[in-house]
């Protein structure tokens, strides 16, 4: 998948088709900085497919929402990174919901 927009999927559209070495990372990724890149590079080394979940906009307090990009914009930024295979928009869902669907081999948290 070379086109970033083709890497992005919503939680409700996700299937359980993962190989045994899929790695899951999670975050809001409002502004991608060198620490995020190191985090994702490390996670990528832990398996053969890197899936990154993007925290939904509703998880931010109202007072902080004006300082954050939309989840679709944050997902596009993460999807543009070569190390990332798939980006999941959680929307109203949670990381726990995603883990139940994917059952990843590895969960890497920053």
Protein backbone atom coordinates (compact mmCIF):
# COMPACT_ATOMS: atom_id res chain seq x y z
CA UNK A 1 0.00 0.00 0.00
CA UNK A 2 1.86 3.05 -1.19
CA UNK A 3 -1.01 5.55 -1.05
CA UNK A 4 -1.55 6.83 2.50
CA UNK A 5 -5.33 7.21 2.16
CA UNK A 6 -5.65 3.51 1.28
CA UNK A 7 -3.99 2.60 4.59
CA UNK A 8 -6.74 4.24 6.68
CA UNK A 9 -9.75 2.29 7.95
CA UNK A 10 -12.44 2.88 10.55
CA UNK A 11 -12.70 0.57 13.55
CA UNK A 12 -16.20 -0.55 12.54
CA UNK A 13 -14.93 -1.59 9.08
CA UNK A 14 -12.02 -3.63 10.40
CA UNK A 15 -11.86 -7.40 10.04
CA UNK A 16 -9.84 -9.86 12.10
CA UNK A 17 -7.55 -10.91 9.26
CA UNK A 18 -4.15 -10.52 10.91
CA UNK A 19 -1.06 -12.60 10.65
CA UNK A 20 0.60 -13.94 13.78
CA UNK A 21 3.17 -11.15 13.96
CA UNK A 22 1.04 -8.00 13.71
CA UNK A 23 2.09 -5.11 15.96
CA UNK A 24 -0.35 -2.51 17.28
CA UNK A 25 0.56 1.01 18.41
CA UNK A 26 -1.82 3.64 19.73
CA UNK A 27 -1.84 7.38 20.21
CA UNK A 28 -3.35 10.69 19.26
CA UNK A 29 -0.43 11.75 17.00
CA UNK A 30 -1.55 15.36 16.88
CA UNK A 31 1.87 16.58 15.82
CA UNK A 32 4.30 13.91 14.69
CA UNK A 33 7.72 14.52 16.23
CA UNK A 34 11.02 12.56 16.26
CA UNK A 35 9.92 10.62 19.34
CA UNK A 36 6.90 9.31 17.44
CA UNK A 37 9.12 8.26 14.54
CA UNK A 38 11.47 6.37 16.88
CA UNK A 39 8.46 4.78 18.63
CA UNK A 40 6.97 3.59 15.33
CA UNK A 41 10.34 2.40 13.99
CA UNK A 42 10.85 0.35 17.17
CA UNK A 43 7.34 -1.08 16.95
CA UNK A 44 7.87 -2.03 13.31
CA UNK A 45 10.88 -4.13 14.31
CA UNK A 46 8.67 -6.21 16.64
CA UNK A 47 6.68 -7.86 13.83
CA UNK A 48 5.87 -7.93 10.13
CA UNK A 49 2.84 -5.63 9.99
CA UNK A 50 2.49 -2.34 11.87
CA UNK A 51 -1.01 -1.11 12.66
CA UNK A 52 -1.45 2.27 14.33
CA UNK A 53 -4.69 3.31 16.00
CA UNK A 54 -5.64 6.97 16.19
CA UNK A 55 -7.48 8.20 19.26
CA UNK A 56 -10.86 9.71 18.37
CA UNK A 57 -11.62 13.40 18.68
CA UNK A 58 -14.24 12.74 21.34
CA UNK A 59 -11.50 11.56 23.72
CA UNK A 60 -10.13 15.11 24.02
CA UNK A 61 -11.62 17.49 26.54
CA UNK A 62 -13.68 20.23 24.89
CA UNK A 63 -11.19 22.86 26.03
CA UNK A 64 -8.36 21.05 24.22
CA UNK A 65 -10.16 20.12 20.98
CA UNK A 66 -9.43 23.45 19.34
CA UNK A 67 -5.71 22.67 19.67
CA UNK A 68 -5.93 19.30 17.90
CA UNK A 69 -6.21 18.30 14.29
CA UNK A 70 -9.18 16.22 13.15
CA UNK A 71 -8.65 12.47 13.49
CA UNK A 72 -8.71 12.10 9.70
CA UNK A 73 -5.86 14.63 9.40
CA UNK A 74 -3.85 12.91 12.12
CA UNK A 75 -4.45 9.55 10.43
CA UNK A 76 -3.24 10.91 7.09
CA UNK A 77 -0.02 12.09 8.71
CA UNK A 78 0.67 8.71 10.31
CA UNK A 79 -0.32 6.82 7.15
CA UNK A 80 2.21 8.81 5.14
CA UNK A 81 5.02 7.19 7.13
CA UNK A 82 6.61 4.31 5.26
CA UNK A 83 6.91 2.08 8.35
CA UNK A 84 3.14 2.08 8.91
CA UNK A 85 1.04 -0.56 7.14
CA UNK A 86 -2.43 0.39 8.37
CA UNK A 87 -4.07 3.15 10.40
CA UNK A 88 -7.29 2.57 12.33
CA UNK A 89 -9.56 5.48 13.24
CA UNK A 90 -11.11 4.61 16.58
CA UNK A 91 -13.83 7.27 16.46
CA UNK A 92 -15.99 6.64 19.52
CA UNK A 93 -14.31 3.28 20.10
CA UNK A 94 -11.47 2.52 22.48
CA UNK A 95 -8.12 0.81 22.34
CA UNK A 96 -9.68 -2.07 24.27
CA UNK A 97 -12.34 -2.45 21.55
CA UNK A 98 -9.64 -2.59 18.89
CA UNK A 99 -7.57 -5.15 20.77
CA UNK A 100 -10.62 -7.42 21.02
CA UNK A 101 -11.10 -7.24 17.25
CA UNK A 102 -7.46 -7.54 16.18
CA UNK A 103 -5.87 -9.63 18.93
CA UNK A 104 -2.41 -8.39 17.89
CA UNK A 105 0.71 -10.41 18.60
CA UNK A 106 2.39 -7.35 20.12
CA UNK A 107 1.09 -4.11 21.65
CA UNK A 108 3.66 -1.31 21.82
CA UNK A 109 2.77 1.72 23.91
CA UNK A 110 4.96 4.83 24.22
